[in-house]
Amino acid sequence: MAIKSVSIRIEEEMLQKLSYVADYEGRSVNSHILVLIRQSIRGFEEKHGPIEGEIEAAQNVKPARRQGKE
């Protein structure tokens, strides 16, 4: 499995708090984020069933919120 890199924008205060929690758990911020991602995926699959096959990028994007009422 290939390892990919992603970049995120995060408020400084949130990053500091995340770093605090990660350190408390004995992890790096990167490792702690991976734990949180795995927990999120596991929860999603428990609720909706396994995610199988190739995932198209469009399937991972929540539709934009509609502006105004229709």
PDB file of N, CA and C in Angstrom:
ATOM      1  N   MET A   1       0.845  -1.173   0.000  1.00  0.00           N
ATOM      2  CA  MET A   1       0.000   0.000   0.000  1.00  0.00           C
ATOM      3  C   MET A   1       0.894   1.241   0.000  1.00  0.00           C
ATOM      4  N   ALA A   2       0.637   2.142  -0.920  1.00  0.00           N
ATOM      5  CA  ALA A   2       1.429   3.365  -1.023  1.00  0.00           C
ATOM      6  C   ALA A   2       1.060   4.329   0.101  1.00  0.00           C
ATOM      7  N   ILE A   3       2.036   5.042   0.579  1.00  0.00           N
ATOM      8  CA  ILE A   3       1.815   6.067   1.591  1.00  0.00           C
ATOM      9  C   ILE A   3       1.713   7.401   0.865  1.00  0.00           C
ATOM     10  N   LYS A   4       0.627   8.112   1.104  1.00  0.00           N
ATOM     11  CA  LYS A   4       0.401   9.408   0.475  1.00  0.00           C
ATOM     12  C   LYS A   4       0.495  10.503   1.527  1.00  0.00           C
ATOM     13  N   SER A   5       0.747  11.696   1.084  1.00  0.00           N
ATOM     14  CA  SER A   5       0.845  12.852   1.959  1.00  0.00           C
ATOM     15  C   SER A   5      -0.295  13.810   1.643  1.00  0.00           C
ATOM     16  N   VAL A   6      -0.897  14.379   2.686  1.00  0.00           N
ATOM     17  CA  VAL A   6      -1.925  15.404   2.506  1.00  0.00           C
ATOM     18  C   VAL A   6      -1.565  16.606   3.370  1.00  0.00           C
ATOM     19  N   SER A   7      -2.050  17.729   2.963  1.00  0.00           N
ATOM     20  CA  SER A   7      -1.830  18.960   3.712  1.00  0.00           C
ATOM     21  C   SER A   7      -3.197  19.486   4.128  1.00  0.00           C
ATOM     22  N   ILE A   8      -3.307  19.968   5.372  1.00  0.00           N
ATOM     23  CA  ILE A   8      -4.569  20.542   5.823  1.00  0.00           C
ATOM     24  C   ILE A   8      -4.328  21.937   6.383  1.00  0.00           C
ATOM     25  N   ARG A   9      -5.362  22.740   6.342  1.00  0.00           N
ATOM     26  CA  ARG A   9      -5.332  24.050   6.983  1.00  0.00           C
ATOM     27  C   ARG A   9      -6.038  23.884   8.316  1.00  0.00           C
ATOM     28  N   ILE A  10      -5.406  24.348   9.382  1.00  0.00           N
ATOM     29  CA  ILE A  10      -5.957  24.166  10.714  1.00  0.00           C
ATOM     30  C   ILE A  10      -5.627  25.385  11.562  1.00  0.00           C
ATOM     31  N   GLU A  11      -6.570  25.819  12.357  1.00  0.00           N
ATOM     32  CA  GLU A  11      -6.337  26.961  13.244  1.00  0.00           C
ATOM     33  C   GLU A  11      -5.234  26.613  14.236  1.00  0.00           C
ATOM     34  N   GLU A  12      -4.420  27.601  14.556  1.00  0.00           N
ATOM     35  CA  GLU A  12      -3.281  27.373  15.442  1.00  0.00           C
ATOM     36  C   GLU A  12      -3.716  26.796  16.793  1.00  0.00           C
ATOM     37  N   GLU A  13      -4.784  27.345  17.369  1.00  0.00           N
ATOM     38  CA  GLU A  13      -5.244  26.856  18.669  1.00  0.00           C
ATOM     39  C   GLU A  13      -5.663  25.387  18.588  1.00  0.00           C
ATOM     40  N   MET A  14      -6.344  25.014  17.510  1.00  0.00           N
ATOM     41  CA  MET A  14      -6.770  23.630  17.347  1.00  0.00           C
ATOM     42  C   MET A  14      -5.558  22.710  17.202  1.00  0.00           C
ATOM     43  N   LEU A  15      -4.554  23.152  16.453  1.00  0.00           N
ATOM     44  CA  LEU A  15      -3.341  22.365  16.295  1.00  0.00           C
ATOM     45  C   LEU A  15      -2.610  22.195  17.628  1.00  0.00           C
ATOM     46  N   GLN A  16      -2.569  23.250  18.413  1.00  0.00           N
ATOM     47  CA  GLN A  16      -1.930  23.164  19.734  1.00  0.00           C
ATOM     48  C   GLN A  16      -2.665  22.166  20.625  1.00  0.00           C
ATOM     49  N   LYS A  17      -3.976  22.203  20.597  1.00  0.00           N
ATOM     50  CA  LYS A  17      -4.761  21.268  21.410  1.00  0.00           C
ATOM     51  C   LYS A  17      -4.606  19.837  20.908  1.00  0.00           C
ATOM     52  N   LEU A  18      -4.599  19.672  19.596  1.00  0.00           N
ATOM     53  CA  LEU A  18      -4.393  18.347  19.016  1.00  0.00           C
ATOM     54  C   LEU A  18      -3.021  17.813  19.412  1.00  0.00           C
ATOM     55  N   SER A  19      -2.025  18.670  19.380  1.00  0.00           N
ATOM     56  CA  SER A  19      -0.672  18.285  19.775  1.00  0.00           C
ATOM     57  C   SER A  19      -0.638  17.866  21.245  1.00  0.00           C
ATOM     58  N   TYR A  20      -1.370  18.572  22.075  1.00  0.00           N
ATOM     59  CA  TYR A  20      -1.446  18.246  23.505  1.00  0.00           C
ATOM     60  C   TYR A  20      -2.053  16.861  23.703  1.00  0.00           C
ATOM     61  N   VAL A  21      -3.174  16.599  23.028  1.00  0.00           N
ATOM     62  CA  VAL A  21      -3.848  15.302  23.143  1.00  0.00           C
ATOM     63  C   VAL A  21      -2.946  14.188  22.616  1.00  0.00           C
ATOM     64  N   ALA A  22      -2.319  14.425  21.474  1.00  0.00           N
ATOM     65  CA  ALA A  22      -1.421  13.419  20.886  1.00  0.00           C
ATOM     66  C   ALA A  22      -0.285  13.102  21.851  1.00  0.00           C
ATOM     67  N   ASP A  23       0.323  14.131  22.429  1.00  0.00           N
ATOM     68  CA  ASP A  23       1.418  13.935  23.366  1.00  0.00           C
ATOM     69  C   ASP A  23       0.940  13.163  24.600  1.00  0.00           C
ATOM     70  N   TYR A  24      -0.236  13.484  25.078  1.00  0.00           N
ATOM     71  CA  TYR A  24      -0.817  12.791  26.234  1.00  0.00           C
ATOM     72  C   TYR A  24      -0.987  11.301  25.940  1.00  0.00           C
ATOM     73  N   GLU A  25      -1.367  10.995  24.691  1.00  0.00           N
ATOM     74  CA  GLU A  25      -1.568   9.607  24.261  1.00  0.00           C
ATOM     75  C   GLU A  25      -0.264   8.931  23.858  1.00  0.00           C
ATOM     76  N   GLY A  26       0.852   9.687  23.888  1.00  0.00           N
ATOM     77  CA  GLY A  26       2.150   9.122  23.538  1.00  0.00           C
ATOM     78  C   GLY A  26       2.346   8.962  22.039  1.00  0.00           C
ATOM     79  N   ARG A  27       1.720   9.842  21.272  1.00  0.00           N
ATOM     80  CA  ARG A  27       1.802   9.772  19.817  1.00  0.00           C
ATOM     81  C   ARG A  27       2.272  11.101  19.244  1.00  0.00           C
ATOM     82  N   SER A  28       2.752  11.049  18.012  1.00  0.00           N
ATOM     83  CA  SER A  28       2.991  12.275  17.257  1.00  0.00           C
ATOM     84  C   SER A  28       1.631  12.778  16.771  1.00  0.00           C
ATOM     85  N   VAL A  29       1.586  14.015  16.340  1.00  0.00           N
ATOM     86  CA  VAL A  29       0.345  14.552  15.782  1.00  0.00           C
ATOM     87  C   VAL A  29      -0.066  13.727  14.570  1.00  0.00           C
ATOM     88  N   ASN A  30       0.887  13.401  13.702  1.00  0.00           N
ATOM     89  CA  ASN A  30       0.585  12.605  12.512  1.00  0.00           C
ATOM     90  C   ASN A  30      -0.030  11.256  12.888  1.00  0.00           C
ATOM     91  N   SER A  31       0.600  10.558  13.841  1.00  0.00           N
ATOM     92  CA  SER A  31       0.076   9.252  14.265  1.00  0.00           C
ATOM     93  C   SER A  31      -1.304   9.378  14.887  1.00  0.00           C
ATOM     94  N   HIS A  32      -1.510  10.445  15.652  1.00  0.00           N
ATOM     95  CA  HIS A  32      -2.815  10.630  16.291  1.00  0.00           C
ATOM     96  C   HIS A  32      -3.892  10.910  15.244  1.00  0.00           C
ATOM     97  N   ILE A  33      -3.570  11.698  14.223  1.00  0.00           N
ATOM     98  CA  ILE A  33      -4.530  11.955  13.148  1.00  0.00           C
ATOM     99  C   ILE A  33      -4.894  10.652  12.446  1.00  0.00           C
ATOM    100  N   LEU A  34      -3.913   9.774  12.217  1.00  0.00           N
ATOM    101  CA  LEU A  34      -4.201   8.479  11.584  1.00  0.00           C
ATOM    102  C   LEU A  34      -5.140   7.649  12.459  1.00  0.00           C
ATOM    103  N   VAL A  35      -4.951   7.680  13.774  1.00  0.00           N
ATOM    104  CA  VAL A  35      -5.858   6.966  14.687  1.00  0.00           C
ATOM    105  C   VAL A  35      -7.273   7.521  14.542  1.00  0.00           C
ATOM    106  N   LEU A  36      -7.407   8.841  14.521  1.00  0.00           N
ATOM    107  CA  LEU A  36      -8.728   9.462  14.393  1.00  0.00           C
ATOM    108  C   LEU A  36      -9.382   9.121  13.059  1.00  0.00           C
ATOM    109  N   ILE A  37      -8.596   9.101  11.988  1.00  0.00           N
ATOM    110  CA  ILE A  37      -9.133   8.738  10.672  1.00  0.00           C
ATOM    111  C   ILE A  37      -9.613   7.293  10.680  1.00  0.00           C
ATOM    112  N   ARG A  38      -8.814   6.390  11.235  1.00  0.00           N
ATOM    113  CA  ARG A  38      -9.225   4.972  11.303  1.00  0.00           C
ATOM    114  C   ARG A  38     -10.519   4.809  12.104  1.00  0.00           C
ATOM    115  N   GLN A  39     -10.640   5.544  13.218  1.00  0.00           N
ATOM    116  CA  GLN A  39     -11.858   5.473  14.024  1.00  0.00           C
ATOM    117  C   GLN A  39     -13.060   5.980  13.228  1.00  0.00           C
ATOM    118  N   SER A  40     -12.863   7.043  12.466  1.00  0.00           N
ATOM    119  CA  SER A  40     -13.942   7.602  11.660  1.00  0.00           C
ATOM    120  C   SER A  40     -14.399   6.614  10.586  1.00  0.00           C
ATOM    121  N   ILE A  41     -13.440   6.003   9.906  1.00  0.00           N
ATOM    122  CA  ILE A  41     -13.771   5.023   8.862  1.00  0.00           C
ATOM    123  C   ILE A  41     -14.466   3.814   9.465  1.00  0.00           C
ATOM    124  N   ARG A  42     -13.964   3.306  10.582  1.00  0.00           N
ATOM    125  CA  ARG A  42     -14.576   2.156  11.243  1.00  0.00           C
ATOM    126  C   ARG A  42     -16.017   2.476  11.640  1.00  0.00           C
ATOM    127  N   GLY A  43     -16.251   3.667  12.214  1.00  0.00           N
ATOM    128  CA  GLY A  43     -17.608   4.070  12.591  1.00  0.00           C
ATOM    129  C   GLY A  43     -18.533   4.176  11.396  1.00  0.00           C
ATOM    130  N   PHE A  44     -18.023   4.743  10.303  1.00  0.00           N
ATOM    131  CA  PHE A  44     -18.818   4.867   9.084  1.00  0.00           C
ATOM    132  C   PHE A  44     -19.204   3.489   8.564  1.00  0.00           C
ATOM    133  N   GLU A  45     -18.224   2.581   8.509  1.00  0.00           N
ATOM    134  CA  GLU A  45     -18.494   1.242   7.978  1.00  0.00           C
ATOM    135  C   GLU A  45     -19.422   0.445   8.890  1.00  0.00           C
ATOM    136  N   GLU A  46     -19.342   0.653  10.196  1.00  0.00           N
ATOM    137  CA  GLU A  46     -20.271  -0.030  11.109  1.00  0.00           C
ATOM    138  C   GLU A  46     -21.702   0.425  10.856  1.00  0.00           C
ATOM    139  N   LYS A  47     -21.863   1.695  10.525  1.00  0.00           N
ATOM    140  CA  LYS A  47     -23.196   2.249  10.290  1.00  0.00           C
ATOM    141  C   LYS A  47     -23.710   1.964   8.880  1.00  0.00           C
ATOM    142  N   HIS A  48     -22.808   2.053   7.878  1.00  0.00           N
ATOM    143  CA  HIS A  48     -23.235   1.997   6.478  1.00  0.00           C
ATOM    144  C   HIS A  48     -22.760   0.767   5.722  1.00  0.00           C
ATOM    145  N   GLY A  49     -21.960  -0.069   6.340  1.00  0.00           N
ATOM    146  CA  GLY A  49     -21.417  -1.231   5.655  1.00  0.00           C
ATOM    147  C   GLY A  49     -20.026  -0.944   5.113  1.00  0.00           C
ATOM    148  N   PRO A  50     -19.319  -2.003   4.748  1.00  0.00           N
ATOM    149  CA  PRO A  50     -17.938  -1.851   4.278  1.00  0.00           C
ATOM    150  C   PRO A  50     -17.825  -0.990   3.023  1.00  0.00           C
ATOM    151  N   ILE A  51     -16.766  -0.242   2.968  1.00  0.00           N
ATOM    152  CA  ILE A  51     -16.435   0.519   1.763  1.00  0.00           C
ATOM    153  C   ILE A  51     -15.560  -0.414   0.933  1.00  0.00           C
ATOM    154  N   GLU A  52     -16.016  -0.752  -0.247  1.00  0.00           N
ATOM    155  CA  GLU A  52     -15.293  -1.715  -1.071  1.00  0.00           C
ATOM    156  C   GLU A  52     -14.959  -1.130  -2.424  1.00  0.00           C
ATOM    157  N   GLY A  53     -13.946  -1.697  -3.070  1.00  0.00           N
ATOM    158  CA  GLY A  53     -13.589  -1.318  -4.431  1.00  0.00           C
ATOM    159  C   GLY A  53     -12.920   0.034  -4.514  1.00  0.00           C
ATOM    160  N   GLU A  54     -12.740   0.460  -5.752  1.00  0.00           N
ATOM    161  CA  GLU A  54     -12.125   1.762  -6.013  1.00  0.00           C
ATOM    162  C   GLU A  54     -13.120   2.859  -5.657  1.00  0.00           C
ATOM    163  N   ILE A  55     -12.643   3.860  -4.966  1.00  0.00           N
ATOM    164  CA  ILE A  55     -13.495   4.977  -4.560  1.00  0.00           C
ATOM    165  C   ILE A  55     -13.203   6.166  -5.469  1.00  0.00           C
ATOM    166  N   GLU A  56     -14.228   6.635  -6.151  1.00  0.00           N
ATOM    167  CA  GLU A  56     -14.087   7.822  -6.996  1.00  0.00           C
ATOM    168  C   GLU A  56     -14.015   9.055  -6.103  1.00  0.00           C
ATOM    169  N   ALA A  57     -13.189  10.015  -6.501  1.00  0.00           N
ATOM    170  CA  ALA A  57     -13.019  11.233  -5.695  1.00  0.00           C
ATOM    171  C   ALA A  57     -14.351  11.921  -5.424  1.00  0.00           C
ATOM    172  N   ALA A  58     -15.244  11.941  -6.396  1.00  0.00           N
ATOM    173  CA  ALA A  58     -16.535  12.613  -6.232  1.00  0.00           C
ATOM    174  C   ALA A  58     -17.371  11.979  -5.123  1.00  0.00           C
ATOM    175  N   GLN A  59     -17.159  10.689  -4.833  1.00  0.00           N
ATOM    176  CA  GLN A  59     -17.915  10.029  -3.778  1.00  0.00           C
ATOM    177  C   GLN A  59     -17.471  10.468  -2.396  1.00  0.00           C
ATOM    178  N   ASN A  60     -16.290  11.059  -2.293  1.00  0.00           N
ATOM    179  CA  ASN A  60     -15.765  11.486  -1.005  1.00  0.00           C
ATOM    180  C   ASN A  60     -16.061  12.942  -0.692  1.00  0.00           C
ATOM    181  N   VAL A  61     -16.769  13.611  -1.566  1.00  0.00           N
ATOM    182  CA  VAL A  61     -17.027  15.031  -1.389  1.00  0.00           C
ATOM    183  C   VAL A  61     -18.500  15.240  -1.073  1.00  0.00           C
ATOM    184  N   LYS A  62     -18.762  15.878   0.039  1.00  0.00           N
ATOM    185  CA  LYS A  62     -20.130  16.199   0.409  1.00  0.00           C
ATOM    186  C   LYS A  62     -20.637  17.289  -0.531  1.00  0.00           C
ATOM    187  N   PRO A  63     -21.847  17.149  -1.058  1.00  0.00           N
ATOM    188  CA  PRO A  63     -22.377  18.181  -1.952  1.00  0.00           C
ATOM    189  C   PRO A  63     -22.386  19.552  -1.283  1.00  0.00           C
ATOM    190  N   ALA A  64     -22.186  20.584  -2.056  1.00  0.00           N
ATOM    191  CA  ALA A  64     -22.209  21.952  -1.519  1.00  0.00           C
ATOM    192  C   ALA A  64     -23.586  22.246  -0.948  1.00  0.00           C
ATOM    193  N   ARG A  65     -23.603  23.068   0.081  1.00  0.00           N
ATOM    194  CA  ARG A  65     -24.891  23.467   0.667  1.00  0.00           C
ATOM    195  C   ARG A  65     -25.643  24.350  -0.311  1.00  0.00           C
ATOM    196  N   ARG A  66     -26.929  24.171  -0.336  1.00  0.00           N
ATOM    197  CA  ARG A  66     -27.753  24.989  -1.207  1.00  0.00           C
ATOM    198  C   ARG A  66     -27.912  26.366  -0.574  1.00  0.00           C
ATOM    199  N   GLN A  67     -27.837  27.364  -1.402  1.00  0.00           N
ATOM    200  CA  GLN A  67     -28.027  28.732  -0.942  1.00  0.00           C
ATOM    201  C   GLN A  67     -29.489  29.113  -1.133  1.00  0.00           C
ATOM    202  N   GLY A  68     -30.119  29.584  -0.088  1.00  0.00           N
ATOM    203  CA  GLY A  68     -31.505  29.990  -0.175  1.00  0.00           C
ATOM    204  C   GLY A  68     -32.450  28.789  -0.172  1.00  0.00           C
ATOM    205  N   LYS A  69     -33.740  29.074  -0.155  1.00  0.00           N
ATOM    206  CA  LYS A  69     -34.755  28.012  -0.125  1.00  0.00           C
ATOM    207  C   LYS A  69     -35.323  27.838  -1.522  1.00  0.00           C
ATOM    208  N   GLU A  70     -35.690  26.613  -1.824  1.00  0.00           N
ATOM    209  CA  GLU A  70     -36.302  26.329  -3.127  1.00  0.00           C
ATOM    210  C   GLU A  70     -37.749  26.010  -2.959  1.00  0.00           C
TER     211      GLU A  70
END
